[in-house]
Every structure is written in structure tokens, then in C-alpha cells.
Amino acid sequence: GVRIGNWLEDEYAQQELLRDFIRKREQGQLLVQRLARLQENIFKRVELSISSDGFVHFGDTVLLMNPDNKSSDLEGTSEERDPELCGDVTLAVDMEEVSLYSDEPLQISRGLSAVKSVDPIGRNAFCIVSVDGSAVGEPLRYGQNFVLGTKGGVSDKLFYLASDHKTFKDFAKKSRLQKVFLTAELSYLTFWQAKSLDPQLRLEHEGFPVPSETKIIITHCYTNRNLAVPRTFCVWTHFGREFEVICHNYLNSHRVEEDKNYWEIITRNPGPEDGTMLER
């Protein structure tokens, strides 16, 4: 038959598409390859630090867990009955903003979320970093400034957990409260403190080592707001529904923090059996 139209241009275009596909496949830049590599990195198991004395130390690789509060004041409400809102959650790098469509190497996201996983993997493992010259291995103490760093499973360098006062343009997407984010720059915006759960004992506990697997409050030094997971604001990521993480002081009628502000720093089991201290 006789070809009509721009058949030659169409043929060249098809050949160019095929060459582009082969080139991207050889370089590992196809979307399916990038997604597979991303999943492999962020789901790669990470070894947590062992706490032989039961305390948290500078240099430790840990999980930050917002524990399930079974005695919550949500009892009898529809919020408590929803199984999606129950259970322990851990602070993690929010993969929602990771660009899978760029030809650039995978970059760490600057957002954070809380995930329903207490297994230590690339995206939810954090390192306790000193800012006052404390040596690696020294215990973290109540009231002492520290920094939380993570590589998110895709970075070669640490990014630091930070927050800042909300503005008319800059706030958490869902709750519109004070957001938390990751930054490569160390500054006072990245400084945090651990505080005792009981406000009446905080002054007394200041200077004492922070125990692992114990409920504490994590306070942002610059804004004096507490790290929180309200669990009523969800974000959808490549890996399902997760919870928004913010800085906000949730106080009850007695001016005491609620379970949205509770955190536990999880380390590895020092015994011969594998697993975290939480699983003992």
C-alpha cells in the first residue's frame, strides 16, 4: 500500500521513544526501577543501638515512637473504635514529596509523618546528635539540648528534624498548625529537649539520664512546642495512609500533656535474642 501523512516523522518518533526507553532502562531511570530502588532503600532493615544500661546515649540509632494509649480519653468514641487510628506509630520521613519523575538521584523528602510500623527501617531510624560537645556514648539528659538526624534511607548525609513558628504561608498542610520538617542546616531550629512526663517532677528530673522505652515529652527549644501526632490528620503517600506530625501542645483540663505528645525512644534488645527492647 501507499503510505500517506507524516509517516516518516512518526517512524522516527517511535524509534526515538524506543531509544529513550532503552537508555533509561540501562541507567536505571525508569519509573518502575526508581520506585523499586526507593522501596529497597527505605524498607532496608536498620540495626538500632543497644542500650545496656537502659538509657539513651548520644550517637544512638533509635526509633521515636508515639505509643498507643489504651486508656485514652477517647474511650467510647468513634475515634477509638477506628482501628486505623490505634496502635503504636513511629516518626518517619514522609515519602510523599520524593520526586520519582526526575532524572536526578533520589533525594530525601523534607516532610515527616508517623507510620504504623515499629520495625527499624531506613525511613524511621533517627540518630541522637550532640550540640554541646557531649561525647558519643554519653547519656542524653532531661533538659539537655540535642538534635535528631536521619538519612531517610536515601541520603548519604544526615538531615535534621526542625520546626519553626507557623506563618500565614508556612504551616502544616492538614492541621494548619506548626509544621516539622527536615533540614540540612544545623541551627537553633533543630534543637530539642526531652522532658519528664509528669510536669510536677520535671525540675526534679532535670539533669538525670533519659531512659529508653519510657514515655517522655519532646519539646522544640525555639518555639517551646511539643512534638505531636494528633492522629486525626492523615496524609496519603506512595505507601498508604500515614499520620501528620506537628509541633503543638495538647493539654488537658489540668494543664498536663495528652497522649498526642507522648514519645518513647526505642533501642535494641541487649539480650541474646534479636529485636527491640520493646519486644522483650
C-alpha atoms as a PDB file:
ATOM      1  CA  GLY A   1       0.000   0.000   0.000  1.00  0.00           C
ATOM      2  CA  VAL A   2       0.907   3.643  -0.251  1.00  0.00           C
ATOM      3  CA  ARG A   3       1.797   5.447   2.970  1.00  0.00           C
ATOM      4  CA  ILE A   4       0.221   8.837   3.475  1.00  0.00           C
ATOM      5  CA  GLY A   5       0.673  11.589   6.020  1.00  0.00           C
ATOM      6  CA  ASN A   6       3.773  12.205   8.134  1.00  0.00           C
ATOM      7  CA  TRP A   7       4.670   8.510   8.248  1.00  0.00           C
ATOM      8  CA  LEU A   8       8.419   9.119   8.180  1.00  0.00           C
ATOM      9  CA  GLU A   9       8.269  11.578  11.086  1.00  0.00           C
ATOM     10  CA  ASP A  10       6.057   9.153  13.041  1.00  0.00           C
ATOM     11  CA  GLU A  11       8.528   6.338  12.459  1.00  0.00           C
ATOM     12  CA  TYR A  12      11.439   8.491  13.607  1.00  0.00           C
ATOM     13  CA  ALA A  13       9.449   9.497  16.701  1.00  0.00           C
ATOM     14  CA  GLN A  14       8.755   5.841  17.554  1.00  0.00           C
ATOM     15  CA  GLN A  15      12.431   4.977  17.127  1.00  0.00           C
ATOM     16  CA  GLU A  16      13.417   7.905  19.360  1.00  0.00           C
ATOM     17  CA  LEU A  17      10.958   6.766  22.040  1.00  0.00           C
ATOM     18  CA  LEU A  18      12.416   3.258  21.894  1.00  0.00           C
ATOM     19  CA  ARG A  19      15.982   4.570  22.162  1.00  0.00           C
ATOM     20  CA  ASP A  20      14.978   6.765  25.112  1.00  0.00           C
ATOM     21  CA  PHE A  21      13.336   3.780  26.817  1.00  0.00           C
ATOM     22  CA  ILE A  22      16.426   1.591  26.324  1.00  0.00           C
ATOM     23  CA  ARG A  23      18.727   4.358  27.589  1.00  0.00           C
ATOM     24  CA  LYS A  24      16.640   4.931  30.724  1.00  0.00           C
ATOM     25  CA  ARG A  25      16.378   1.196  31.377  1.00  0.00           C
ATOM     26  CA  GLU A  26      20.150   0.774  31.135  1.00  0.00           C
ATOM     27  CA  GLN A  27      20.686   3.718  33.503  1.00  0.00           C
ATOM     28  CA  GLY A  28      18.011   2.521  35.938  1.00  0.00           C
ATOM     29  CA  GLN A  29      15.938   5.667  35.412  1.00  0.00           C
ATOM     30  CA  LEU A  30      12.611   4.067  34.519  1.00  0.00           C
ATOM     31  CA  LEU A  31       9.835   4.948  36.965  1.00  0.00           C
ATOM     32  CA  VAL A  32       9.338   1.314  37.961  1.00  0.00           C
ATOM     33  CA  GLN A  33      13.093   0.956  38.580  1.00  0.00           C
ATOM     34  CA  ARG A  34      13.252   4.153  40.642  1.00  0.00           C
ATOM     35  CA  LEU A  35      10.268   3.084  42.733  1.00  0.00           C
ATOM     36  CA  ALA A  36      11.766  -0.376  43.299  1.00  0.00           C
ATOM     37  CA  ARG A  37      15.090   1.186  44.332  1.00  0.00           C
ATOM     38  CA  LEU A  38      13.313   3.629  46.632  1.00  0.00           C
ATOM     39  CA  GLN A  39      11.367   0.826  48.313  1.00  0.00           C
ATOM     40  CA  GLU A  40      14.528  -1.244  48.683  1.00  0.00           C
ATOM     41  CA  ASN A  41      16.351   1.640  50.383  1.00  0.00           C
ATOM     42  CA  ILE A  42      13.667   2.877  52.736  1.00  0.00           C
ATOM     43  CA  PHE A  43      12.496  -0.610  53.744  1.00  0.00           C
ATOM     44  CA  LYS A  44      16.022  -1.876  54.322  1.00  0.00           C
ATOM     45  CA  ARG A  45      16.317  -3.028  57.922  1.00  0.00           C
ATOM     46  CA  VAL A  46      18.444  -0.835  60.186  1.00  0.00           C
ATOM     47  CA  GLU A  47      20.222  -2.034  63.315  1.00  0.00           C
ATOM     48  CA  LEU A  48      19.262   0.031  66.344  1.00  0.00           C
ATOM     49  CA  SER A  49      21.806   0.802  69.049  1.00  0.00           C
ATOM     50  CA  ILE A  50      21.974  -1.451  72.094  1.00  0.00           C
ATOM     51  CA  SER A  51      21.271   0.206  75.442  1.00  0.00           C
ATOM     52  CA  SER A  52      22.971  -1.964  78.049  1.00  0.00           C
ATOM     53  CA  ASP A  53      22.165   0.444  80.904  1.00  0.00           C
ATOM     54  CA  GLY A  54      18.599   1.257  79.841  1.00  0.00           C
ATOM     55  CA  PHE A  55      19.380   4.881  78.927  1.00  0.00           C
ATOM     56  CA  VAL A  56      19.543   6.819  75.655  1.00  0.00           C
ATOM     57  CA  HIS A  57      23.024   7.929  74.535  1.00  0.00           C
ATOM     58  CA  PHE A  58      24.454  10.380  72.043  1.00  0.00           C
ATOM     59  CA  GLY A  59      25.257   8.594  68.805  1.00  0.00           C
ATOM     60  CA  ASP A  60      22.488   6.029  69.319  1.00  0.00           C
ATOM     61  CA  THR A  61      20.367   4.961  66.360  1.00  0.00           C
ATOM     62  CA  VAL A  62      16.802   4.807  67.653  1.00  0.00           C
ATOM     63  CA  LEU A  63      13.124   4.865  66.794  1.00  0.00           C
ATOM     64  CA  LEU A  64      10.841   7.624  68.052  1.00  0.00           C
ATOM     65  CA  MET A  65       7.529   6.003  68.892  1.00  0.00           C
ATOM     66  CA  ASN A  66       4.214   7.615  69.757  1.00  0.00           C
ATOM     67  CA  PRO A  67       2.674   4.771  71.795  1.00  0.00           C
ATOM     68  CA  ASP A  68      -0.885   3.560  71.627  1.00  0.00           C
ATOM     69  CA  ASN A  69      -2.733   4.819  74.693  1.00  0.00           C
ATOM     70  CA  LYS A  70      -5.290   2.162  75.550  1.00  0.00           C
ATOM     71  CA  SER A  71      -6.603   4.191  78.489  1.00  0.00           C
ATOM     72  CA  SER A  72      -7.133   7.252  76.340  1.00  0.00           C
ATOM     73  CA  ASP A  73      -9.999   9.625  76.965  1.00  0.00           C
ATOM     74  CA  LEU A  74     -11.236   8.642  73.505  1.00  0.00           C
ATOM     75  CA  GLU A  75     -12.980   5.706  75.147  1.00  0.00           C
ATOM     76  CA  GLY A  76     -16.395   5.061  73.705  1.00  0.00           C
ATOM     77  CA  THR A  77     -15.967   7.474  70.825  1.00  0.00           C
ATOM     78  CA  SER A  78     -15.902   6.648  67.139  1.00  0.00           C
ATOM     79  CA  GLU A  79     -12.261   7.725  67.061  1.00  0.00           C
ATOM     80  CA  GLU A  80     -11.265   4.956  69.450  1.00  0.00           C
ATOM     81  CA  ARG A  81     -13.263   2.341  67.567  1.00  0.00           C
ATOM     82  CA  ASP A  82     -11.460   3.091  64.319  1.00  0.00           C
ATOM     83  CA  PRO A  83      -8.616   0.528  64.220  1.00  0.00           C
ATOM     84  CA  GLU A  84      -6.744   2.704  61.737  1.00  0.00           C
ATOM     85  CA  LEU A  85      -6.170   5.295  64.476  1.00  0.00           C
ATOM     86  CA  CYS A  86      -4.986   2.795  67.098  1.00  0.00           C
ATOM     87  CA  GLY A  87      -1.623   1.172  67.674  1.00  0.00           C
ATOM     88  CA  ASP A  88       1.952   2.384  68.043  1.00  0.00           C
ATOM     89  CA  VAL A  89       3.328   4.711  65.364  1.00  0.00           C
ATOM     90  CA  THR A  90       6.879   5.863  64.675  1.00  0.00           C
ATOM     91  CA  LEU A  91       8.277   9.098  63.305  1.00  0.00           C
ATOM     92  CA  ALA A  92       9.401   8.646  59.691  1.00  0.00           C
ATOM     93  CA  VAL A  93      10.464  10.530  56.592  1.00  0.00           C
ATOM     94  CA  ASP A  94       7.347  11.337  54.572  1.00  0.00           C
ATOM     95  CA  MET A  95       7.910   9.915  51.093  1.00  0.00           C
ATOM     96  CA  GLU A  96       5.011  11.896  49.612  1.00  0.00           C
ATOM     97  CA  GLU A  97       7.310  14.611  48.294  1.00  0.00           C
ATOM     98  CA  VAL A  98      10.014  12.376  46.831  1.00  0.00           C
ATOM     99  CA  SER A  99      10.309  13.119  43.117  1.00  0.00           C
ATOM    100  CA  LEU A 100      10.202   9.876  41.187  1.00  0.00           C
ATOM    101  CA  TYR A 101       9.908  11.574  37.827  1.00  0.00           C
ATOM    102  CA  SER A 102      13.213  13.433  37.862  1.00  0.00           C
ATOM    103  CA  ASP A 103      16.371  12.051  36.284  1.00  0.00           C
ATOM    104  CA  GLU A 104      18.302  13.298  39.315  1.00  0.00           C
ATOM    105  CA  PRO A 105      19.369  10.813  42.030  1.00  0.00           C
ATOM    106  CA  LEU A 106      16.731  10.111  44.670  1.00  0.00           C
ATOM    107  CA  GLN A 107      16.594  12.913  47.221  1.00  0.00           C
ATOM    108  CA  ILE A 108      15.371  12.770  50.800  1.00  0.00           C
ATOM    109  CA  SER A 109      11.975  14.326  51.418  1.00  0.00           C
ATOM    110  CA  ARG A 110      11.808  17.314  53.772  1.00  0.00           C
ATOM    111  CA  GLY A 111       8.469  16.275  55.271  1.00  0.00           C
ATOM    112  CA  LEU A 112       7.709  13.831  58.071  1.00  0.00           C
ATOM    113  CA  SER A 113       4.853  11.551  59.001  1.00  0.00           C
ATOM    114  CA  ALA A 114       4.006   8.881  61.560  1.00  0.00           C
ATOM    115  CA  VAL A 115       3.838   5.309  60.254  1.00  0.00           C
ATOM    116  CA  LYS A 116       2.195   2.230  61.746  1.00  0.00           C
ATOM    117  CA  SER A 117       5.439   0.295  61.868  1.00  0.00           C
ATOM    118  CA  VAL A 118       7.776  -0.283  64.792  1.00  0.00           C
ATOM    119  CA  ASP A 119      10.301  -2.188  62.698  1.00  0.00           C
ATOM    120  CA  PRO A 120      13.551  -0.207  62.298  1.00  0.00           C
ATOM    121  CA  ILE A 121      13.961   0.621  58.613  1.00  0.00           C
ATOM    122  CA  GLY A 122      15.678   3.342  56.619  1.00  0.00           C
ATOM    123  CA  ARG A 123      12.893   5.891  56.764  1.00  0.00           C
ATOM    124  CA  ASN A 124      12.117   5.768  60.505  1.00  0.00           C
ATOM    125  CA  ALA A 125      15.587   5.402  62.066  1.00  0.00           C
ATOM    126  CA  PHE A 126      17.000   8.516  63.755  1.00  0.00           C
ATOM    127  CA  CYS A 127      20.329   9.322  65.383  1.00  0.00           C
ATOM    128  CA  ILE A 128      20.726  11.244  68.665  1.00  0.00           C
ATOM    129  CA  VAL A 129      23.234  14.028  67.915  1.00  0.00           C
ATOM    130  CA  SER A 130      25.029  16.210  70.469  1.00  0.00           C
ATOM    131  CA  VAL A 131      25.110  20.002  70.144  1.00  0.00           C
ATOM    132  CA  ASP A 132      27.017  20.903  73.326  1.00  0.00           C
ATOM    133  CA  GLY A 133      30.168  18.841  72.904  1.00  0.00           C
ATOM    134  CA  SER A 134      28.921  15.744  74.720  1.00  0.00           C
ATOM    135  CA  ALA A 135      30.868  12.707  73.557  1.00  0.00           C
ATOM    136  CA  VAL A 136      29.330   9.794  71.694  1.00  0.00           C
ATOM    137  CA  GLY A 137      28.221   7.238  74.266  1.00  0.00           C
ATOM    138  CA  GLU A 138      27.371   9.772  76.969  1.00  0.00           C
ATOM    139  CA  PRO A 139      23.758   9.566  78.177  1.00  0.00           C
ATOM    140  CA  LEU A 140      21.216  12.110  76.990  1.00  0.00           C
ATOM    141  CA  ARG A 141      19.804  14.000  79.977  1.00  0.00           C
ATOM    142  CA  TYR A 142      16.473  15.629  80.690  1.00  0.00           C
ATOM    143  CA  GLY A 143      16.589  19.329  79.799  1.00  0.00           C
ATOM    144  CA  GLN A 144      19.685  18.918  77.593  1.00  0.00           C
ATOM    145  CA  ASN A 145      19.607  20.189  74.011  1.00  0.00           C
ATOM    146  CA  PHE A 146      20.012  17.544  71.324  1.00  0.00           C
ATOM    147  CA  VAL A 147      19.424  17.080  67.604  1.00  0.00           C
ATOM    148  CA  LEU A 148      17.645  14.266  65.763  1.00  0.00           C
ATOM    149  CA  GLY A 149      19.299  13.310  62.472  1.00  0.00           C
ATOM    150  CA  THR A 150      18.221  10.873  59.769  1.00  0.00           C
ATOM    151  CA  LYS A 151      19.377   9.733  56.344  1.00  0.00           C
ATOM    152  CA  GLY A 152      15.863   8.639  55.434  1.00  0.00           C
ATOM    153  CA  GLY A 153      17.157   5.563  53.650  1.00  0.00           C
ATOM    154  CA  VAL A 154      18.089   7.528  50.516  1.00  0.00           C
ATOM    155  CA  SER A 155      20.700  10.074  51.605  1.00  0.00           C
ATOM    156  CA  ASP A 156      24.424   9.841  52.329  1.00  0.00           C
ATOM    157  CA  LYS A 157      24.361  12.660  54.880  1.00  0.00           C
ATOM    158  CA  LEU A 158      22.251  13.479  57.906  1.00  0.00           C
ATOM    159  CA  PHE A 159      19.216  15.721  57.738  1.00  0.00           C
ATOM    160  CA  TYR A 160      17.924  17.210  60.973  1.00  0.00           C
ATOM    161  CA  LEU A 161      14.454  17.381  62.484  1.00  0.00           C
ATOM    162  CA  ALA A 162      13.421  21.036  62.744  1.00  0.00           C
ATOM    163  CA  SER A 163      10.439  23.294  63.304  1.00  0.00           C
ATOM    164  CA  ASP A 164       9.591  26.989  63.271  1.00  0.00           C
ATOM    165  CA  HIS A 165       6.702  29.269  64.171  1.00  0.00           C
ATOM    166  CA  LYS A 166       3.824  28.968  61.741  1.00  0.00           C
ATOM    167  CA  THR A 167       3.073  31.905  59.475  1.00  0.00           C
ATOM    168  CA  PHE A 168       0.219  32.784  57.142  1.00  0.00           C
ATOM    169  CA  LYS A 169       2.056  30.962  54.351  1.00  0.00           C
ATOM    170  CA  ASP A 170       4.010  28.307  56.221  1.00  0.00           C
ATOM    171  CA  PHE A 171       2.128  25.736  58.297  1.00  0.00           C
ATOM    172  CA  ALA A 172       1.248  22.043  58.430  1.00  0.00           C
ATOM    173  CA  LYS A 173      -0.852  21.093  55.407  1.00  0.00           C
ATOM    174  CA  LYS A 174      -3.692  19.275  57.158  1.00  0.00           C
ATOM    175  CA  SER A 175      -3.966  20.690  60.679  1.00  0.00           C
ATOM    176  CA  ARG A 176      -2.681  24.186  59.784  1.00  0.00           C
ATOM    177  CA  LEU A 177      -0.635  24.098  62.984  1.00  0.00           C
ATOM    178  CA  GLN A 178       3.139  24.386  63.416  1.00  0.00           C
ATOM    179  CA  LYS A 179       4.869  22.055  60.990  1.00  0.00           C
ATOM    180  CA  VAL A 180       8.000  19.945  61.403  1.00  0.00           C
ATOM    181  CA  PHE A 181      10.464  19.377  58.595  1.00  0.00           C
ATOM    182  CA  LEU A 182      13.957  18.134  57.775  1.00  0.00           C
ATOM    183  CA  THR A 183      16.836  20.467  57.031  1.00  0.00           C
ATOM    184  CA  ALA A 184      20.500  20.033  56.159  1.00  0.00           C
ATOM    185  CA  GLU A 185      21.467  23.084  58.245  1.00  0.00           C
ATOM    186  CA  LEU A 186      22.193  22.829  61.962  1.00  0.00           C
ATOM    187  CA  SER A 187      20.645  25.766  63.809  1.00  0.00           C
ATOM    188  CA  TYR A 188      18.586  26.539  66.897  1.00  0.00           C
ATOM    189  CA  LEU A 189      15.541  25.473  64.860  1.00  0.00           C
ATOM    190  CA  THR A 190      16.854  21.886  65.078  1.00  0.00           C
ATOM    191  CA  PHE A 191      17.328  21.816  68.879  1.00  0.00           C
ATOM    192  CA  TRP A 192      15.056  19.653  71.040  1.00  0.00           C
ATOM    193  CA  GLN A 193      14.810  18.672  74.703  1.00  0.00           C
ATOM    194  CA  ALA A 194      13.416  15.624  76.482  1.00  0.00           C
ATOM    195  CA  LYS A 195      11.158  16.354  79.440  1.00  0.00           C
ATOM    196  CA  SER A 196       9.664  14.129  82.106  1.00  0.00           C
ATOM    197  CA  LEU A 197       6.053  13.117  81.533  1.00  0.00           C
ATOM    198  CA  ASP A 198       4.947  14.401  84.959  1.00  0.00           C
ATOM    199  CA  PRO A 199       5.105  18.235  84.993  1.00  0.00           C
ATOM    200  CA  GLN A 200       5.488  18.249  88.785  1.00  0.00           C
ATOM    201  CA  LEU A 201       8.689  16.193  88.539  1.00  0.00           C
ATOM    202  CA  ARG A 202      10.322  17.975  85.591  1.00  0.00           C
ATOM    203  CA  LEU A 203      12.503  20.273  87.657  1.00  0.00           C
ATOM    204  CA  GLU A 204      13.499  17.378  89.889  1.00  0.00           C
ATOM    205  CA  HIS A 205      14.349  15.098  86.942  1.00  0.00           C
ATOM    206  CA  GLU A 206      16.343  17.709  85.020  1.00  0.00           C
ATOM    207  CA  GLY A 207      19.923  16.538  84.544  1.00  0.00           C
ATOM    208  CA  PHE A 208      19.080  12.858  85.004  1.00  0.00           C
ATOM    209  CA  PRO A 209      19.664  10.428  82.094  1.00  0.00           C
ATOM    210  CA  VAL A 210      16.714   9.813  79.776  1.00  0.00           C
ATOM    211  CA  PRO A 211      15.615   6.151  79.910  1.00  0.00           C
ATOM    212  CA  SER A 212      14.691   4.298  76.743  1.00  0.00           C
ATOM    213  CA  GLU A 213      11.213   2.799  76.289  1.00  0.00           C
ATOM    214  CA  THR A 214       9.790   5.348  78.742  1.00  0.00           C
ATOM    215  CA  LYS A 215       7.128   7.907  77.890  1.00  0.00           C
ATOM    216  CA  ILE A 216       8.580  11.403  77.623  1.00  0.00           C
ATOM    217  CA  ILE A 217       7.746  14.783  76.110  1.00  0.00           C
ATOM    218  CA  ILE A 218       9.975  16.055  73.271  1.00  0.00           C
ATOM    219  CA  THR A 219       9.956  19.865  73.192  1.00  0.00           C
ATOM    220  CA  HIS A 220      11.197  22.150  70.432  1.00  0.00           C
ATOM    221  CA  CYS A 221      13.580  24.627  72.064  1.00  0.00           C
ATOM    222  CA  TYR A 222      12.944  27.637  69.810  1.00  0.00           C
ATOM    223  CA  THR A 223       9.134  27.592  69.868  1.00  0.00           C
ATOM    224  CA  ASN A 224       8.516  25.707  73.146  1.00  0.00           C
ATOM    225  CA  ARG A 225       6.031  23.471  71.314  1.00  0.00           C
ATOM    226  CA  ASN A 226       5.916  19.703  71.783  1.00  0.00           C
ATOM    227  CA  LEU A 227       6.331  17.125  69.040  1.00  0.00           C
ATOM    228  CA  ALA A 228       2.889  15.616  68.451  1.00  0.00           C
ATOM    229  CA  VAL A 229       0.858  13.112  66.427  1.00  0.00           C
ATOM    230  CA  PRO A 230      -2.828  14.093  66.635  1.00  0.00           C
ATOM    231  CA  ARG A 231      -3.851  11.032  64.511  1.00  0.00           C
ATOM    232  CA  THR A 232      -6.875  12.895  63.159  1.00  0.00           C
ATOM    233  CA  PHE A 233      -4.951  14.346  60.215  1.00  0.00           C
ATOM    234  CA  CYS A 234      -3.870  11.781  57.636  1.00  0.00           C
ATOM    235  CA  VAL A 235      -1.514  12.100  54.698  1.00  0.00           C
ATOM    236  CA  TRP A 236      -1.544   9.765  51.711  1.00  0.00           C
ATOM    237  CA  THR A 237       1.856   8.623  50.486  1.00  0.00           C
ATOM    238  CA  HIS A 238       3.191   6.087  47.987  1.00  0.00           C
ATOM    239  CA  PHE A 239       2.916   3.541  50.814  1.00  0.00           C
ATOM    240  CA  GLY A 240      -0.595   4.174  52.097  1.00  0.00           C
ATOM    241  CA  ARG A 241      -2.240   6.293  54.760  1.00  0.00           C
ATOM    242  CA  GLU A 242       0.003   7.832  57.396  1.00  0.00           C
ATOM    243  CA  PHE A 243      -0.418  10.485  60.099  1.00  0.00           C
ATOM    244  CA  GLU A 244       0.662  14.110  60.068  1.00  0.00           C
ATOM    245  CA  VAL A 245       3.361  15.048  62.602  1.00  0.00           C
ATOM    246  CA  ILE A 246       3.346  18.576  64.020  1.00  0.00           C
ATOM    247  CA  CYS A 247       4.513  20.694  66.941  1.00  0.00           C
ATOM    248  CA  HIS A 248       1.651  21.579  69.257  1.00  0.00           C
ATOM    249  CA  ASN A 249       0.963  21.474  72.990  1.00  0.00           C
ATOM    250  CA  TYR A 250      -2.078  19.287  73.625  1.00  0.00           C
ATOM    251  CA  LEU A 251      -3.064  19.980  77.242  1.00  0.00           C
ATOM    252  CA  ASN A 252      -5.961  18.595  79.262  1.00  0.00           C
ATOM    253  CA  SER A 253      -8.005  20.486  81.851  1.00  0.00           C
ATOM    254  CA  HIS A 254      -5.195  20.013  84.396  1.00  0.00           C
ATOM    255  CA  ARG A 255      -2.665  21.623  82.028  1.00  0.00           C
ATOM    256  CA  VAL A 256      -0.954  18.252  81.543  1.00  0.00           C
ATOM    257  CA  GLU A 257       0.118  16.957  78.125  1.00  0.00           C
ATOM    258  CA  GLU A 258      -2.136  14.442  76.401  1.00  0.00           C
ATOM    259  CA  ASP A 259      -1.056  11.202  74.719  1.00  0.00           C
ATOM    260  CA  LYS A 260      -0.673  13.024  71.385  1.00  0.00           C
ATOM    261  CA  ASN A 261       2.530  14.466  72.881  1.00  0.00           C
ATOM    262  CA  TYR A 262       3.866  11.181  74.319  1.00  0.00           C
ATOM    263  CA  TRP A 263       7.014   9.642  72.843  1.00  0.00           C
ATOM    264  CA  GLU A 264       9.264   6.704  73.623  1.00  0.00           C
ATOM    265  CA  ILE A 265      12.838   6.366  72.372  1.00  0.00           C
ATOM    266  CA  ILE A 266      13.255   2.752  71.258  1.00  0.00           C
ATOM    267  CA  THR A 267      16.618   0.945  71.290  1.00  0.00           C
ATOM    268  CA  ARG A 268      17.697  -2.624  70.558  1.00  0.00           C
ATOM    269  CA  ASN A 269      17.411  -5.533  72.944  1.00  0.00           C
ATOM    270  CA  PRO A 270      20.787  -6.103  74.688  1.00  0.00           C
ATOM    271  CA  GLY A 271      19.986  -9.785  75.263  1.00  0.00           C
ATOM    272  CA  PRO A 272      20.982 -12.712  73.036  1.00  0.00           C
ATOM    273  CA  GLU A 273      17.598 -12.744  71.308  1.00  0.00           C
ATOM    274  CA  ASP A 274      17.024 -10.335  68.443  1.00  0.00           C
ATOM    275  CA  GLY A 275      14.531  -7.476  68.385  1.00  0.00           C
ATOM    276  CA  THR A 276      13.950  -4.139  70.068  1.00  0.00           C
ATOM    277  CA  MET A 277      13.785  -3.514  73.795  1.00  0.00           C
ATOM    278  CA  LEU A 278      10.048  -3.046  73.287  1.00  0.00           C
ATOM    279  CA  GLU A 279       9.703  -6.720  72.297  1.00  0.00           C
ATOM    280  CA  ARG A 280      11.306  -8.129  75.443  1.00  0.00           C
END
